[in-house]
PDB file of N, CA and C in Angstrom:
ATOM      1  N   MET A   1     -29.904  -1.335  -0.478  1.00  0.00           N
ATOM      2  CA  MET A   1     -28.120  -1.085  -0.833  1.00  0.00           C
ATOM      3  C   MET A   1     -27.422  -1.769   0.480  1.00  0.00           C
ATOM      4  N   GLU A   2     -26.599  -2.281  -0.027  1.00  0.00           N
ATOM      5  CA  GLU A   2     -25.611  -2.803   1.058  1.00  0.00           C
ATOM      6  C   GLU A   2     -25.162  -2.006   2.011  1.00  0.00           C
ATOM      7  N   ASP A   3     -25.073  -2.462   3.450  1.00  0.00           N
ATOM      8  CA  ASP A   3     -24.628  -1.643   4.404  1.00  0.00           C
ATOM      9  C   ASP A   3     -23.048  -1.349   4.249  1.00  0.00           C
ATOM     10  N   ASN A   4     -22.225  -2.348   3.840  1.00  0.00           N
ATOM     11  CA  ASN A   4     -20.843  -2.309   3.501  1.00  0.00           C
ATOM     12  C   ASN A   4     -20.507  -2.677   2.177  1.00  0.00           C
ATOM     13  N   LEU A   5     -19.802  -1.722   1.651  1.00  0.00           N
ATOM     14  CA  LEU A   5     -19.086  -1.862   0.448  1.00  0.00           C
ATOM     15  C   LEU A   5     -17.512  -1.663   0.163  1.00  0.00           C
ATOM     16  N   ASP A   6     -17.115  -1.977   1.378  1.00  0.00           N
ATOM     17  CA  ASP A   6     -15.865  -2.003   1.741  1.00  0.00           C
ATOM     18  C   ASP A   6     -15.098  -3.007   0.791  1.00  0.00           C
ATOM     19  N   ILE A   7     -14.721  -2.667  -0.551  1.00  0.00           N
ATOM     20  CA  ILE A   7     -13.970  -3.486  -1.709  1.00  0.00           C
ATOM     21  C   ILE A   7     -12.637  -3.728  -1.192  1.00  0.00           C
ATOM     22  N   VAL A   8     -11.965  -3.225  -0.411  1.00  0.00           N
ATOM     23  CA  VAL A   8     -10.581  -3.345   0.075  1.00  0.00           C
ATOM     24  C   VAL A   8     -10.492  -3.333   1.732  1.00  0.00           C
ATOM     25  N   GLU A   9      -9.530  -3.808   2.148  1.00  0.00           N
ATOM     26  CA  GLU A   9      -9.463  -3.787   3.836  1.00  0.00           C
ATOM     27  C   GLU A   9      -9.240  -2.380   4.117  1.00  0.00           C
ATOM     28  N   CYS A  10      -8.657  -1.501   3.520  1.00  0.00           N
ATOM     29  CA  CYS A  10      -8.259  -0.208   3.983  1.00  0.00           C
ATOM     30  C   CYS A  10      -9.653   0.619   4.076  1.00  0.00           C
ATOM     31  N   PHE A  11     -10.680   0.396   3.333  1.00  0.00           N
ATOM     32  CA  PHE A  11     -12.008   1.121   3.599  1.00  0.00           C
ATOM     33  C   PHE A  11     -12.607   0.977   4.708  1.00  0.00           C
ATOM     34  N   SER A  12     -12.263  -0.067   5.575  1.00  0.00           N
ATOM     35  CA  SER A  12     -12.714  -0.566   6.875  1.00  0.00           C
ATOM     36  C   SER A  12     -12.076   0.080   8.073  1.00  0.00           C
ATOM     37  N   PHE A  13     -12.569   0.978   8.679  1.00  0.00           N
ATOM     38  CA  PHE A  13     -11.469   1.364   9.816  1.00  0.00           C
ATOM     39  C   PHE A  13     -11.234   0.519  11.105  1.00  0.00           C
ATOM     40  N   GLU A  14     -12.180  -0.390  11.287  1.00  0.00           N
ATOM     41  CA  GLU A  14     -12.027  -1.544  12.222  1.00  0.00           C
ATOM     42  C   GLU A  14     -10.935  -2.585  11.729  1.00  0.00           C
ATOM     43  N   LYS A  15     -11.075  -2.827  10.401  1.00  0.00           N
ATOM     44  CA  LYS A  15     -10.321  -3.940  10.068  1.00  0.00           C
ATOM     45  C   LYS A  15      -9.022  -3.681   9.149  1.00  0.00           C
ATOM     46  N   ASN A  16      -8.448  -2.269   9.032  1.00  0.00           N
ATOM     47  CA  ASN A  16      -7.524  -2.042   8.202  1.00  0.00           C
ATOM     48  C   ASN A  16      -6.074  -2.279   9.030  1.00  0.00           C
ATOM     49  N   LYS A  17      -5.571  -3.058   8.433  1.00  0.00           N
ATOM     50  CA  LYS A  17      -4.366  -3.335   8.728  1.00  0.00           C
ATOM     51  C   LYS A  17      -3.039  -3.355   7.726  1.00  0.00           C
ATOM     52  N   CYS A  18      -3.413  -2.403   6.825  1.00  0.00           N
ATOM     53  CA  CYS A  18      -2.605  -2.260   5.670  1.00  0.00           C
ATOM     54  C   CYS A  18      -1.375  -1.357   5.950  1.00  0.00           C
ATOM     55  N   SER A  19      -0.302  -1.837   5.733  1.00  0.00           N
ATOM     56  CA  SER A  19       1.148  -1.254   6.044  1.00  0.00           C
ATOM     57  C   SER A  19       1.137  -0.074   4.998  1.00  0.00           C
ATOM     58  N   PHE A  20       0.522  -0.074   3.919  1.00  0.00           N
ATOM     59  CA  PHE A  20       0.766   1.056   3.183  1.00  0.00           C
ATOM     60  C   PHE A  20      -0.239   2.340   3.343  1.00  0.00           C
ATOM     61  N   ASN A  21      -0.910   2.299   4.523  1.00  0.00           N
ATOM     62  CA  ASN A  21      -2.111   3.143   4.581  1.00  0.00           C
ATOM     63  C   ASN A  21      -1.492   4.630   4.530  1.00  0.00           C
ATOM     64  N   GLY A  22      -0.630   4.981   5.012  1.00  0.00           N
ATOM     65  CA  GLY A  22      -0.019   6.374   4.848  1.00  0.00           C
ATOM     66  C   GLY A  22       0.322   6.870   3.645  1.00  0.00           C
ATOM     67  N   CYS A  23       0.930   5.912   2.699  1.00  0.00           N
ATOM     68  CA  CYS A  23       1.191   6.223   1.422  1.00  0.00           C
ATOM     69  C   CYS A  23       0.702   6.021   0.102  1.00  0.00           C
ATOM     70  N   CYS A  24      -0.576   5.237   0.507  1.00  0.00           N
ATOM     71  CA  CYS A  24      -1.188   4.606  -0.813  1.00  0.00           C
ATOM     72  C   CYS A  24      -1.946   5.533  -1.187  1.00  0.00           C
ATOM     73  N   LYS A  25      -1.963   5.491  -2.767  1.00  0.00           N
ATOM     74  CA  LYS A  25      -2.862   6.708  -3.664  1.00  0.00           C
ATOM     75  C   LYS A  25      -3.937   5.780  -4.194  1.00  0.00           C
ATOM     76  N   LEU A  26      -4.034   4.716  -4.085  1.00  0.00           N
ATOM     77  CA  LEU A  26      -5.178   3.635  -4.639  1.00  0.00           C
ATOM     78  C   LEU A  26      -6.573   4.046  -3.943  1.00  0.00           C
ATOM     79  N   LYS A  27      -6.492   3.919  -2.538  1.00  0.00           N
ATOM     80  CA  LYS A  27      -7.648   4.464  -1.809  1.00  0.00           C
ATOM     81  C   LYS A  27      -8.321   5.299  -2.339  1.00  0.00           C
ATOM     82  N   PRO A  28      -8.007   6.266  -2.745  1.00  0.00           N
ATOM     83  CA  PRO A  28      -9.057   7.567  -2.974  1.00  0.00           C
ATOM     84  C   PRO A  28      -9.527   7.274  -4.367  1.00  0.00           C
ATOM     85  N   ILE A  29      -8.626   6.454  -5.044  1.00  0.00           N
ATOM     86  CA  ILE A  29      -9.224   6.238  -6.617  1.00  0.00           C
ATOM     87  C   ILE A  29     -10.109   5.185  -6.548  1.00  0.00           C
ATOM     88  N   LEU A  30     -10.155   4.184  -5.531  1.00  0.00           N
ATOM     89  CA  LEU A  30     -11.196   3.189  -5.424  1.00  0.00           C
ATOM     90  C   LEU A  30     -12.457   3.861  -4.887  1.00  0.00           C
ATOM     91  N   TYR A  31     -12.420   4.646  -3.753  1.00  0.00           N
ATOM     92  CA  TYR A  31     -13.431   5.551  -3.370  1.00  0.00           C
ATOM     93  C   TYR A  31     -14.121   6.132  -4.357  1.00  0.00           C
ATOM     94  N   ASP A  32     -13.533   7.016  -5.281  1.00  0.00           N
ATOM     95  CA  ASP A  32     -14.008   7.635  -6.269  1.00  0.00           C
ATOM     96  C   ASP A  32     -14.945   6.635  -7.022  1.00  0.00           C
ATOM     97  N   ALA A  33     -14.323   5.428  -7.650  1.00  0.00           N
ATOM     98  CA  ALA A  33     -15.042   4.523  -8.454  1.00  0.00           C
ATOM     99  C   ALA A  33     -16.112   3.884  -7.983  1.00  0.00           C
ATOM    100  N   THR A  34     -16.012   3.507  -6.620  1.00  0.00           N
ATOM    101  CA  THR A  34     -17.192   3.025  -5.838  1.00  0.00           C
ATOM    102  C   THR A  34     -18.188   4.029  -5.819  1.00  0.00           C
ATOM    103  N   ASN A  35     -18.043   5.382  -5.624  1.00  0.00           N
ATOM    104  CA  ASN A  35     -19.147   6.433  -5.382  1.00  0.00           C
ATOM    105  C   ASN A  35     -19.561   6.613  -6.730  1.00  0.00           C
ATOM    106  N   LEU A  36     -19.022   6.282  -8.013  1.00  0.00           N
ATOM    107  CA  LEU A  36     -19.424   6.673  -9.449  1.00  0.00           C
ATOM    108  C   LEU A  36     -20.228   5.603  -9.999  1.00  0.00           C
ATOM    109  N   PHE A  37     -19.877   4.127  -9.329  1.00  0.00           N
ATOM    110  CA  PHE A  37     -20.744   2.997  -9.735  1.00  0.00           C
ATOM    111  C   PHE A  37     -21.960   2.939  -8.778  1.00  0.00           C
ATOM    112  N   ILE A  38     -22.142   3.562  -7.375  1.00  0.00           N
ATOM    113  CA  ILE A  38     -23.247   3.730  -7.011  1.00  0.00           C
ATOM    114  C   ILE A  38     -24.024   4.783  -7.572  1.00  0.00           C
ATOM    115  N   GLU A  39     -23.605   5.827  -7.784  1.00  0.00           N
ATOM    116  CA  GLU A  39     -24.370   7.145  -8.652  1.00  0.00           C
ATOM    117  C   GLU A  39     -24.925   6.521 -10.023  1.00  0.00           C
ATOM    118  N   THR A  40     -24.145   5.661 -10.734  1.00  0.00           N
ATOM    119  CA  THR A  40     -24.847   5.271 -12.191  1.00  0.00           C
ATOM    120  C   THR A  40     -25.941   4.188 -11.843  1.00  0.00           C
ATOM    121  N   LEU A  41     -25.599   3.499 -10.691  1.00  0.00           N
ATOM    122  CA  LEU A  41     -26.703   2.222 -10.510  1.00  0.00           C
ATOM    123  C   LEU A  41     -27.862   2.995  -9.843  1.00  0.00           C
ATOM    124  N   SER A  42     -27.825   4.227  -9.453  1.00  0.00           N
ATOM    125  CA  SER A  42     -28.933   4.794  -8.832  1.00  0.00           C
ATOM    126  C   SER A  42     -29.892   5.527  -9.642  1.00  0.00           C
ATOM    127  N   LYS A  43     -29.426   5.501 -11.152  1.00  0.00           N
ATOM    128  CA  LYS A  43     -30.220   6.041 -12.164  1.00  0.00           C
ATOM    129  C   LYS A  43     -31.060   5.128 -12.824  1.00  0.00           C
ATOM    130  N   TYR A  44     -31.066   4.122 -12.278  1.00  0.00           N
ATOM    131  CA  TYR A  44     -31.968   2.834 -12.809  1.00  0.00           C
ATOM    132  C   TYR A  44     -32.696   2.168 -11.824  1.00  0.00           C
ATOM    133  N   ASN A  45     -33.720   1.434 -12.352  1.00  0.00           N
ATOM    134  CA  ASN A  45     -34.707   0.711 -11.367  1.00  0.00           C
ATOM    135  C   ASN A  45     -34.801  -0.623 -11.785  1.00  0.00           C
ATOM    136  N   LEU A  46     -35.698  -1.513 -11.072  1.00  0.00           N
ATOM    137  CA  LEU A  46     -35.756  -2.827 -11.787  1.00  0.00           C
ATOM    138  C   LEU A  46     -36.502  -2.813 -13.124  1.00  0.00           C
ATOM    139  N   ALA A  47     -37.473  -2.000 -13.171  1.00  0.00           N
ATOM    140  CA  ALA A  47     -38.243  -2.008 -14.826  1.00  0.00           C
ATOM    141  C   ALA A  47     -36.789  -1.772 -15.658  1.00  0.00           C
ATOM    142  N   ASP A  48     -35.968  -1.052 -15.669  1.00  0.00           N
ATOM    143  CA  ASP A  48     -35.018  -0.526 -16.545  1.00  0.00           C
ATOM    144  C   ASP A  48     -34.411  -1.618 -17.162  1.00  0.00           C
ATOM    145  N   VAL A  49     -34.171  -2.936 -16.034  1.00  0.00           N
ATOM    146  CA  VAL A  49     -33.221  -3.992 -16.567  1.00  0.00           C
ATOM    147  C   VAL A  49     -34.036  -5.358 -16.944  1.00  0.00           C
ATOM    148  N   ILE A  50     -35.448  -5.242 -16.655  1.00  0.00           N
ATOM    149  CA  ILE A  50     -36.145  -6.477 -17.040  1.00  0.00           C
ATOM    150  C   ILE A  50     -36.966  -6.262 -18.446  1.00  0.00           C
ATOM    151  N   ASP A  51     -36.994  -7.178 -19.451  1.00  0.00           N
ATOM    152  CA  ASP A  51     -37.595  -7.090 -20.457  1.00  0.00           C
ATOM    153  C   ASP A  51     -38.866  -7.459 -20.072  1.00  0.00           C
TER     154      ASP A  51
END
């Protein structure tokens, strides 16, 4: 698994310079979507995707 799934700048504590940080409602939505993506992928293995 990747160490860094920071799909947007605001996910990174060190690199976040977003001026909307305090009022943006997109971050928790993207965070949930990322977690659901990982959860879905974790249900499968290599044998599931190769014929």
